[in-house]
Amino acid sequence: MSEKRVLLDPTSEQKPTVRNRVERPSSLQGLTIGLLDISKNRGDVFLDQLESQLSGRGLKVNRYRKPTFTRPAPVDLQLKIASECDLIVEGLAD
């Protein structure tokens, strides 16, 4: 059964963009997981714990950090993440 969800993009879009959900991998083994710190206070604390858990399971983890949380990640950082990772987790906090 396919369920429909509405996801809102907080980047001041005038009308919502329709995006299909990406299918989740059946396993994380052999994949590279990117952890993106958006530079909000204590986001790194969450990502440190997540990295510890994932690395403890033998998974490959790459860490990244945006220069500021007030803007989207620079294009060069987006391209780097896309070329080096199979999936990404963003750490949001305050």
PDB file of N, CA and C in Angstrom:
ATOM      1  N   MET A   1       0.848  -1.173   0.000  1.00  0.00           N
ATOM      2  CA  MET A   1       0.000   0.000   0.000  1.00  0.00           C
ATOM      3  C   MET A   1       0.892   1.235   0.000  1.00  0.00           C
ATOM      4  N   SER A   2       0.599   2.155  -0.870  1.00  0.00           N
ATOM      5  CA  SER A   2       1.370   3.386  -0.982  1.00  0.00           C
ATOM      6  C   SER A   2       0.643   4.507  -0.268  1.00  0.00           C
ATOM      7  N   GLU A   3       1.335   5.155   0.661  1.00  0.00           N
ATOM      8  CA  GLU A   3       0.704   6.266   1.354  1.00  0.00           C
ATOM      9  C   GLU A   3       1.294   7.567   0.835  1.00  0.00           C
ATOM     10  N   LYS A   4       0.467   8.577   0.751  1.00  0.00           N
ATOM     11  CA  LYS A   4       0.899   9.858   0.231  1.00  0.00           C
ATOM     12  C   LYS A   4       1.187  10.784   1.401  1.00  0.00           C
ATOM     13  N   ARG A   5       2.319  11.448   1.366  1.00  0.00           N
ATOM     14  CA  ARG A   5       2.691  12.399   2.402  1.00  0.00           C
ATOM     15  C   ARG A   5       3.054  13.724   1.757  1.00  0.00           C
ATOM     16  N   VAL A   6       2.747  14.788   2.445  1.00  0.00           N
ATOM     17  CA  VAL A   6       3.122  16.110   1.984  1.00  0.00           C
ATOM     18  C   VAL A   6       4.312  16.563   2.810  1.00  0.00           C
ATOM     19  N   LEU A   7       5.421  16.873   2.135  1.00  0.00           N
ATOM     20  CA  LEU A   7       6.605  17.379   2.801  1.00  0.00           C
ATOM     21  C   LEU A   7       6.778  18.827   2.386  1.00  0.00           C
ATOM     22  N   LEU A   8       6.934  19.704   3.353  1.00  0.00           N
ATOM     23  CA  LEU A   8       7.102  21.109   3.063  1.00  0.00           C
ATOM     24  C   LEU A   8       8.575  21.471   3.093  1.00  0.00           C
ATOM     25  N   ASP A   9       8.999  22.222   2.107  1.00  0.00           N
ATOM     26  CA  ASP A   9      10.372  22.682   2.001  1.00  0.00           C
ATOM     27  C   ASP A   9      10.444  24.075   2.631  1.00  0.00           C
ATOM     28  N   PRO A  10      11.274  24.272   3.650  1.00  0.00           N
ATOM     29  CA  PRO A  10      11.300  25.556   4.362  1.00  0.00           C
ATOM     30  C   PRO A  10      12.087  26.652   3.649  1.00  0.00           C
ATOM     31  N   THR A  11      12.359  26.500   2.370  1.00  0.00           N
ATOM     32  CA  THR A  11      13.181  27.482   1.669  1.00  0.00           C
ATOM     33  C   THR A  11      12.359  28.508   0.910  1.00  0.00           C
ATOM     34  N   SER A  12      11.204  28.861   1.415  1.00  0.00           N
ATOM     35  CA  SER A  12      10.382  29.935   0.869  1.00  0.00           C
ATOM     36  C   SER A  12       9.875  29.663  -0.536  1.00  0.00           C
ATOM     37  N   GLU A  13       9.547  28.416  -0.808  1.00  0.00           N
ATOM     38  CA  GLU A  13       8.999  28.114  -2.124  1.00  0.00           C
ATOM     39  C   GLU A  13       7.566  28.643  -2.221  1.00  0.00           C
ATOM     40  N   GLN A  14       7.171  29.064  -3.397  1.00  0.00           N
ATOM     41  CA  GLN A  14       5.838  29.613  -3.603  1.00  0.00           C
ATOM     42  C   GLN A  14       4.774  28.526  -3.734  1.00  0.00           C
ATOM     43  N   LYS A  15       5.137  27.403  -4.321  1.00  0.00           N
ATOM     44  CA  LYS A  15       4.217  26.272  -4.367  1.00  0.00           C
ATOM     45  C   LYS A  15       5.034  25.009  -4.118  1.00  0.00           C
ATOM     46  N   PRO A  16       4.475  24.059  -3.378  1.00  0.00           N
ATOM     47  CA  PRO A  16       5.222  22.850  -3.022  1.00  0.00           C
ATOM     48  C   PRO A  16       5.709  22.086  -4.246  1.00  0.00           C
ATOM     49  N   THR A  17       6.904  21.568  -4.166  1.00  0.00           N
ATOM     50  CA  THR A  17       7.477  20.738  -5.212  1.00  0.00           C
ATOM     51  C   THR A  17       7.090  19.293  -4.943  1.00  0.00           C
ATOM     52  N   VAL A  18       6.708  18.588  -5.970  1.00  0.00           N
ATOM     53  CA  VAL A  18       6.346  17.181  -5.826  1.00  0.00           C
ATOM     54  C   VAL A  18       7.610  16.345  -5.997  1.00  0.00           C
ATOM     55  N   ARG A  19       7.902  15.538  -5.005  1.00  0.00           N
ATOM     56  CA  ARG A  19       9.076  14.657  -5.053  1.00  0.00           C
ATOM     57  C   ARG A  19       8.655  13.254  -4.635  1.00  0.00           C
ATOM     58  N   ASN A  20       9.125  12.270  -5.368  1.00  0.00           N
ATOM     59  CA  ASN A  20       8.880  10.891  -4.969  1.00  0.00           C
ATOM     60  C   ASN A  20       9.821  10.524  -3.844  1.00  0.00           C
ATOM     61  N   ARG A  21       9.342   9.725  -2.915  1.00  0.00           N
ATOM     62  CA  ARG A  21      10.200   9.233  -1.844  1.00  0.00           C
ATOM     63  C   ARG A  21      11.198   8.241  -2.422  1.00  0.00           C
ATOM     64  N   VAL A  22      12.410   8.323  -1.941  1.00  0.00           N
ATOM     65  CA  VAL A  22      13.450   7.398  -2.370  1.00  0.00           C
ATOM     66  C   VAL A  22      13.276   6.103  -1.588  1.00  0.00           C
ATOM     67  N   GLU A  23      13.383   4.997  -2.283  1.00  0.00           N
ATOM     68  CA  GLU A  23      13.247   3.706  -1.619  1.00  0.00           C
ATOM     69  C   GLU A  23      14.403   3.495  -0.645  1.00  0.00           C
ATOM     70  N   ARG A  24      14.084   3.020   0.531  1.00  0.00           N
ATOM     71  CA  ARG A  24      15.115   2.753   1.536  1.00  0.00           C
ATOM     72  C   ARG A  24      15.902   1.509   1.170  1.00  0.00           C
ATOM     73  N   PRO A  25      17.212   1.518   1.462  1.00  0.00           N
ATOM     74  CA  PRO A  25      18.001   0.312   1.173  1.00  0.00           C
ATOM     75  C   PRO A  25      17.591  -0.820   2.115  1.00  0.00           C
ATOM     76  N   SER A  26      17.716  -2.042   1.639  1.00  0.00           N
ATOM     77  CA  SER A  26      17.353  -3.186   2.471  1.00  0.00           C
ATOM     78  C   SER A  26      18.375  -3.416   3.581  1.00  0.00           C
ATOM     79  N   SER A  27      19.598  -2.897   3.377  1.00  0.00           N
ATOM     80  CA  SER A  27      20.669  -3.048   4.360  1.00  0.00           C
ATOM     81  C   SER A  27      21.619  -1.857   4.230  1.00  0.00           C
ATOM     82  N   LEU A  28      22.298  -1.538   5.316  1.00  0.00           N
ATOM     83  CA  LEU A  28      23.303  -0.477   5.287  1.00  0.00           C
ATOM     84  C   LEU A  28      24.705  -1.019   5.011  1.00  0.00           C
ATOM     85  N   GLN A  29      24.854  -2.330   5.027  1.00  0.00           N
ATOM     86  CA  GLN A  29      26.156  -2.946   4.794  1.00  0.00           C
ATOM     87  C   GLN A  29      26.687  -2.564   3.412  1.00  0.00           C
ATOM     88  N   GLY A  30      27.950  -2.110   3.389  1.00  0.00           N
ATOM     89  CA  GLY A  30      28.603  -1.761   2.140  1.00  0.00           C
ATOM     90  C   GLY A  30      28.289  -0.356   1.643  1.00  0.00           C
ATOM     91  N   LEU A  31      27.411   0.364   2.344  1.00  0.00           N
ATOM     92  CA  LEU A  31      27.056   1.727   1.949  1.00  0.00           C
ATOM     93  C   LEU A  31      27.868   2.731   2.750  1.00  0.00           C
ATOM     94  N   THR A  32      28.041   3.917   2.194  1.00  0.00           N
ATOM     95  CA  THR A  32      28.685   5.016   2.915  1.00  0.00           C
ATOM     96  C   THR A  32      27.591   5.964   3.382  1.00  0.00           C
ATOM     97  N   ILE A  33      27.581   6.234   4.678  1.00  0.00           N
ATOM     98  CA  ILE A  33      26.564   7.079   5.290  1.00  0.00           C
ATOM     99  C   ILE A  33      27.180   8.434   5.594  1.00  0.00           C
ATOM    100  N   GLY A  34      26.577   9.486   5.078  1.00  0.00           N
ATOM    101  CA  GLY A  34      27.041  10.842   5.354  1.00  0.00           C
ATOM    102  C   GLY A  34      26.259  11.442   6.502  1.00  0.00           C
ATOM    103  N   LEU A  35      26.953  12.122   7.391  1.00  0.00           N
ATOM    104  CA  LEU A  35      26.316  12.834   8.501  1.00  0.00           C
ATOM    105  C   LEU A  35      26.596  14.317   8.306  1.00  0.00           C
ATOM    106  N   LEU A  36      25.545  15.095   8.108  1.00  0.00           N
ATOM    107  CA  LEU A  36      25.680  16.518   7.830  1.00  0.00           C
ATOM    108  C   LEU A  36      25.252  17.339   9.040  1.00  0.00           C
ATOM    109  N   ASP A  37      26.192  18.063   9.588  1.00  0.00           N
ATOM    110  CA  ASP A  37      25.937  19.000  10.681  1.00  0.00           C
ATOM    111  C   ASP A  37      25.571  20.331  10.039  1.00  0.00           C
ATOM    112  N   ILE A  38      24.371  20.841  10.309  1.00  0.00           N
ATOM    113  CA  ILE A  38      23.949  22.084   9.668  1.00  0.00           C
ATOM    114  C   ILE A  38      24.429  23.314  10.436  1.00  0.00           C
ATOM    115  N   SER A  39      25.235  23.123  11.459  1.00  0.00           N
ATOM    116  CA  SER A  39      25.852  24.201  12.249  1.00  0.00           C
ATOM    117  C   SER A  39      24.919  24.843  13.267  1.00  0.00           C
ATOM    118  N   LYS A  40      23.884  24.128  13.685  1.00  0.00           N
ATOM    119  CA  LYS A  40      23.061  24.615  14.792  1.00  0.00           C
ATOM    120  C   LYS A  40      23.666  24.070  16.083  1.00  0.00           C
ATOM    121  N   ASN A  41      23.421  24.789  17.168  1.00  0.00           N
ATOM    122  CA  ASN A  41      23.956  24.383  18.467  1.00  0.00           C
ATOM    123  C   ASN A  41      23.575  22.950  18.812  1.00  0.00           C
ATOM    124  N   ARG A  42      24.565  22.179  19.205  1.00  0.00           N
ATOM    125  CA  ARG A  42      24.439  20.819  19.703  1.00  0.00           C
ATOM    126  C   ARG A  42      24.051  19.781  18.654  1.00  0.00           C
ATOM    127  N   GLY A  43      23.961  20.177  17.386  1.00  0.00           N
ATOM    128  CA  GLY A  43      23.713  19.186  16.335  1.00  0.00           C
ATOM    129  C   GLY A  43      24.836  18.176  16.278  1.00  0.00           C
ATOM    130  N   ASP A  44      26.055  18.638  16.564  1.00  0.00           N
ATOM    131  CA  ASP A  44      27.211  17.734  16.546  1.00  0.00           C
ATOM    132  C   ASP A  44      27.127  16.681  17.643  1.00  0.00           C
ATOM    133  N   VAL A  45      26.467  17.003  18.751  1.00  0.00           N
ATOM    134  CA  VAL A  45      26.321  16.043  19.855  1.00  0.00           C
ATOM    135  C   VAL A  45      25.503  14.843  19.380  1.00  0.00           C
ATOM    136  N   PHE A  46      24.387  15.127  18.708  1.00  0.00           N
ATOM    137  CA  PHE A  46      23.558  14.063  18.139  1.00  0.00           C
ATOM    138  C   PHE A  46      24.346  13.250  17.123  1.00  0.00           C
ATOM    139  N   LEU A  47      25.033  13.941  16.207  1.00  0.00           N
ATOM    140  CA  LEU A  47      25.764  13.243  15.153  1.00  0.00           C
ATOM    141  C   LEU A  47      26.937  12.447  15.703  1.00  0.00           C
ATOM    142  N   ASP A  48      27.585  12.926  16.767  1.00  0.00           N
ATOM    143  CA  ASP A  48      28.662  12.158  17.405  1.00  0.00           C
ATOM    144  C   ASP A  48      28.131  10.815  17.899  1.00  0.00           C
ATOM    145  N   GLN A  49      26.967  10.836  18.530  1.00  0.00           N
ATOM    146  CA  GLN A  49      26.370   9.598  19.041  1.00  0.00           C
ATOM    147  C   GLN A  49      25.962   8.666  17.900  1.00  0.00           C
ATOM    148  N   LEU A  50      25.379   9.247  16.871  1.00  0.00           N
ATOM    149  CA  LEU A  50      24.964   8.443  15.720  1.00  0.00           C
ATOM    150  C   LEU A  50      26.176   7.830  15.026  1.00  0.00           C
ATOM    151  N   GLU A  51      27.240   8.618  14.857  1.00  0.00           N
ATOM    152  CA  GLU A  51      28.461   8.088  14.244  1.00  0.00           C
ATOM    153  C   GLU A  51      29.022   6.936  15.063  1.00  0.00           C
ATOM    154  N   SER A  52      29.011   7.082  16.373  1.00  0.00           N
ATOM    155  CA  SER A  52      29.511   6.019  17.242  1.00  0.00           C
ATOM    156  C   SER A  52      28.705   4.730  17.060  1.00  0.00           C
ATOM    157  N   GLN A  53      27.390   4.869  16.999  1.00  0.00           N
ATOM    158  CA  GLN A  53      26.527   3.695  16.819  1.00  0.00           C
ATOM    159  C   GLN A  53      26.755   3.037  15.459  1.00  0.00           C
ATOM    160  N   LEU A  54      26.814   3.840  14.415  1.00  0.00           N
ATOM    161  CA  LEU A  54      26.991   3.287  13.068  1.00  0.00           C
ATOM    162  C   LEU A  54      28.369   2.673  12.881  1.00  0.00           C
ATOM    163  N   SER A  55      29.400   3.380  13.326  1.00  0.00           N
ATOM    164  CA  SER A  55      30.772   2.857  13.220  1.00  0.00           C
ATOM    165  C   SER A  55      30.933   1.585  14.033  1.00  0.00           C
ATOM    166  N   GLY A  56      30.258   1.530  15.183  1.00  0.00           N
ATOM    167  CA  GLY A  56      30.299   0.338  16.026  1.00  0.00           C
ATOM    168  C   GLY A  56      29.710  -0.885  15.343  1.00  0.00           C
ATOM    169  N   ARG A  57      28.895  -0.669  14.349  1.00  0.00           N
ATOM    170  CA  ARG A  57      28.317  -1.773  13.558  1.00  0.00           C
ATOM    171  C   ARG A  57      29.144  -2.071  12.313  1.00  0.00           C
ATOM    172  N   GLY A  58      30.309  -1.419  12.210  1.00  0.00           N
ATOM    173  CA  GLY A  58      31.199  -1.660  11.079  1.00  0.00           C
ATOM    174  C   GLY A  58      30.826  -0.910   9.817  1.00  0.00           C
ATOM    175  N   LEU A  59      29.995   0.128   9.947  1.00  0.00           N
ATOM    176  CA  LEU A  59      29.560   0.884   8.776  1.00  0.00           C
ATOM    177  C   LEU A  59      30.489   2.063   8.518  1.00  0.00           C
ATOM    178  N   LYS A  60      30.635   2.426   7.257  1.00  0.00           N
ATOM    179  CA  LYS A  60      31.483   3.560   6.871  1.00  0.00           C
ATOM    180  C   LYS A  60      30.680   4.856   7.007  1.00  0.00           C
ATOM    181  N   VAL A  61      31.264   5.834   7.716  1.00  0.00           N
ATOM    182  CA  VAL A  61      30.596   7.104   7.973  1.00  0.00           C
ATOM    183  C   VAL A  61      31.515   8.256   7.574  1.00  0.00           C
ATOM    184  N   ASN A  62      30.979   9.203   6.820  1.00  0.00           N
ATOM    185  CA  ASN A  62      31.684  10.445   6.491  1.00  0.00           C
ATOM    186  C   ASN A  62      30.952  11.603   7.165  1.00  0.00           C
ATOM    187  N   ARG A  63      31.712  12.549   7.708  1.00  0.00           N
ATOM    188  CA  ARG A  63      31.124  13.722   8.371  1.00  0.00           C
ATOM    189  C   ARG A  63      31.300  14.967   7.517  1.00  0.00           C
ATOM    190  N   TYR A  64      30.271  15.823   7.543  1.00  0.00           N
ATOM    191  CA  TYR A  64      30.279  17.086   6.813  1.00  0.00           C
ATOM    192  C   TYR A  64      29.648  18.156   7.698  1.00  0.00           C
ATOM    193  N   ARG A  65      29.972  19.412   7.393  1.00  0.00           N
ATOM    194  CA  ARG A  65      29.408  20.526   8.163  1.00  0.00           C
ATOM    195  C   ARG A  65      29.148  21.707   7.231  1.00  0.00           C
ATOM    196  N   LYS A  66      27.935  22.238   7.317  1.00  0.00           N
ATOM    197  CA  LYS A  66      27.607  23.449   6.561  1.00  0.00           C
ATOM    198  C   LYS A  66      28.262  24.640   7.248  1.00  0.00           C
ATOM    199  N   PRO A  67      28.628  25.677   6.499  1.00  0.00           N
ATOM    200  CA  PRO A  67      29.232  26.857   7.118  1.00  0.00           C
ATOM    201  C   PRO A  67      28.248  27.615   8.016  1.00  0.00           C
ATOM    202  N   THR A  68      26.960  27.554   7.696  1.00  0.00           N
ATOM    203  CA  THR A  68      25.948  28.254   8.487  1.00  0.00           C
ATOM    204  C   THR A  68      24.609  27.552   8.321  1.00  0.00           C
ATOM    205  N   PHE A  69      23.787  27.617   9.362  1.00  0.00           N
ATOM    206  CA  PHE A  69      22.471  26.990   9.259  1.00  0.00           C
ATOM    207  C   PHE A  69      21.462  27.891   8.553  1.00  0.00           C
ATOM    208  N   THR A  70      21.816  29.129   8.306  1.00  0.00           N
ATOM    209  CA  THR A  70      20.866  30.088   7.744  1.00  0.00           C
ATOM    210  C   THR A  70      20.713  29.991   6.229  1.00  0.00           C
ATOM    211  N   ARG A  71      21.544  29.184   5.586  1.00  0.00           N
ATOM    212  CA  ARG A  71      21.489  29.049   4.128  1.00  0.00           C
ATOM    213  C   ARG A  71      21.636  27.582   3.743  1.00  0.00           C
ATOM    214  N   PRO A  72      21.157  27.249   2.542  1.00  0.00           N
ATOM    215  CA  PRO A  72      21.381  25.878   2.064  1.00  0.00           C
ATOM    216  C   PRO A  72      22.884  25.587   1.966  1.00  0.00           C
ATOM    217  N   ALA A  73      23.222  24.330   1.979  1.00  0.00           N
ATOM    218  CA  ALA A  73      24.625  23.936   1.825  1.00  0.00           C
ATOM    219  C   ALA A  73      25.149  24.447   0.493  1.00  0.00           C
ATOM    220  N   PRO A  74      26.401  24.928   0.476  1.00  0.00           N
ATOM    221  CA  PRO A  74      26.992  25.373  -0.795  1.00  0.00           C
ATOM    222  C   PRO A  74      26.979  24.232  -1.816  1.00  0.00           C
ATOM    223  N   VAL A  75      26.866  24.597  -3.069  1.00  0.00           N
ATOM    224  CA  VAL A  75      26.778  23.603  -4.145  1.00  0.00           C
ATOM    225  C   VAL A  75      27.974  22.654  -4.127  1.00  0.00           C
ATOM    226  N   ASP A  76      29.174  23.174  -3.883  1.00  0.00           N
ATOM    227  CA  ASP A  76      30.347  22.285  -3.870  1.00  0.00           C
ATOM    228  C   ASP A  76      30.246  21.249  -2.758  1.00  0.00           C
ATOM    229  N   LEU A  77      29.680  21.616  -1.610  1.00  0.00           N
ATOM    230  CA  LEU A  77      29.483  20.657  -0.526  1.00  0.00           C
ATOM    231  C   LEU A  77      28.408  19.642  -0.909  1.00  0.00           C
ATOM    232  N   GLN A  78      27.339  20.096  -1.511  1.00  0.00           N
ATOM    233  CA  GLN A  78      26.285  19.180  -1.963  1.00  0.00           C
ATOM    234  C   GLN A  78      26.844  18.152  -2.944  1.00  0.00           C
ATOM    235  N   LEU A  79      27.659  18.607  -3.892  1.00  0.00           N
ATOM    236  CA  LEU A  79      28.244  17.703  -4.886  1.00  0.00           C
ATOM    237  C   LEU A  79      29.213  16.713  -4.243  1.00  0.00           C
ATOM    238  N   LYS A  80      29.995  17.189  -3.279  1.00  0.00           N
ATOM    239  CA  LYS A  80      30.935  16.320  -2.562  1.00  0.00           C
ATOM    240  C   LYS A  80      30.178  15.203  -1.841  1.00  0.00           C
ATOM    241  N   ILE A  81      29.133  15.590  -1.115  1.00  0.00           N
ATOM    242  CA  ILE A  81      28.329  14.604  -0.385  1.00  0.00           C
ATOM    243  C   ILE A  81      27.709  13.605  -1.360  1.00  0.00           C
ATOM    244  N   ALA A  82      27.117  14.116  -2.447  1.00  0.00           N
ATOM    245  CA  ALA A  82      26.465  13.241  -3.427  1.00  0.00           C
ATOM    246  C   ALA A  82      27.440  12.257  -4.061  1.00  0.00           C
ATOM    247  N   SER A  83      28.688  12.674  -4.259  1.00  0.00           N
ATOM    248  CA  SER A  83      29.669  11.795  -4.898  1.00  0.00           C
ATOM    249  C   SER A  83      30.298  10.796  -3.922  1.00  0.00           C
ATOM    250  N   GLU A  84      30.249  11.093  -2.633  1.00  0.00           N
ATOM    251  CA  GLU A  84      30.929  10.246  -1.645  1.00  0.00           C
ATOM    252  C   GLU A  84      29.999   9.364  -0.819  1.00  0.00           C
ATOM    253  N   CYS A  85      28.686   9.640  -0.838  1.00  0.00           N
ATOM    254  CA  CYS A  85      27.774   8.943   0.073  1.00  0.00           C
ATOM    255  C   CYS A  85      26.608   8.287  -0.657  1.00  0.00           C
ATOM    256  N   ASP A  86      26.113   7.215  -0.037  1.00  0.00           N
ATOM    257  CA  ASP A  86      24.922   6.536  -0.545  1.00  0.00           C
ATOM    258  C   ASP A  86      23.652   7.076   0.104  1.00  0.00           C
ATOM    259  N   LEU A  87      23.788   7.573   1.321  1.00  0.00           N
ATOM    260  CA  LEU A  87      22.658   8.188   2.015  1.00  0.00           C
ATOM    261  C   LEU A  87      23.182   9.201   3.010  1.00  0.00           C
ATOM    262  N   ILE A  88      22.297  10.094   3.455  1.00  0.00           N
ATOM    263  CA  ILE A  88      22.715  11.207   4.318  1.00  0.00           C
ATOM    264  C   ILE A  88      21.719  11.384   5.454  1.00  0.00           C
ATOM    265  N   VAL A  89      22.266  11.768   6.607  1.00  0.00           N
ATOM    266  CA  VAL A  89      21.450  12.148   7.760  1.00  0.00           C
ATOM    267  C   VAL A  89      21.860  13.561   8.143  1.00  0.00           C
ATOM    268  N   GLU A  90      20.875  14.442   8.289  1.00  0.00           N
ATOM    269  CA  GLU A  90      21.161  15.815   8.741  1.00  0.00           C
ATOM    270  C   GLU A  90      20.874  15.896  10.218  1.00  0.00           C
ATOM    271  N   GLY A  91      21.782  16.538  10.950  1.00  0.00           N
ATOM    272  CA  GLY A  91      21.600  16.723  12.378  1.00  0.00           C
ATOM    273  C   GLY A  91      21.049  18.103  12.663  1.00  0.00           C
ATOM    274  N   LEU A  92      19.829  18.169  13.165  1.00  0.00           N
ATOM    275  CA  LEU A  92      19.201  19.424  13.534  1.00  0.00           C
ATOM    276  C   LEU A  92      19.102  19.479  15.044  1.00  0.00           C
ATOM    277  N   ALA A  93      19.366  20.635  15.623  1.00  0.00           N
ATOM    278  CA  ALA A  93      19.280  20.743  17.084  1.00  0.00           C
ATOM    279  C   ALA A  93      19.174  22.198  17.482  1.00  0.00           C
ATOM    280  N   ASP A  94      18.927  22.416  18.729  1.00  0.00           N
ATOM    281  CA  ASP A  94      18.915  23.737  19.379  1.00  0.00           C
ATOM    282  C   ASP A  94      18.773  23.550  20.854  1.00  0.00           C
TER     283      ASP A  94
END
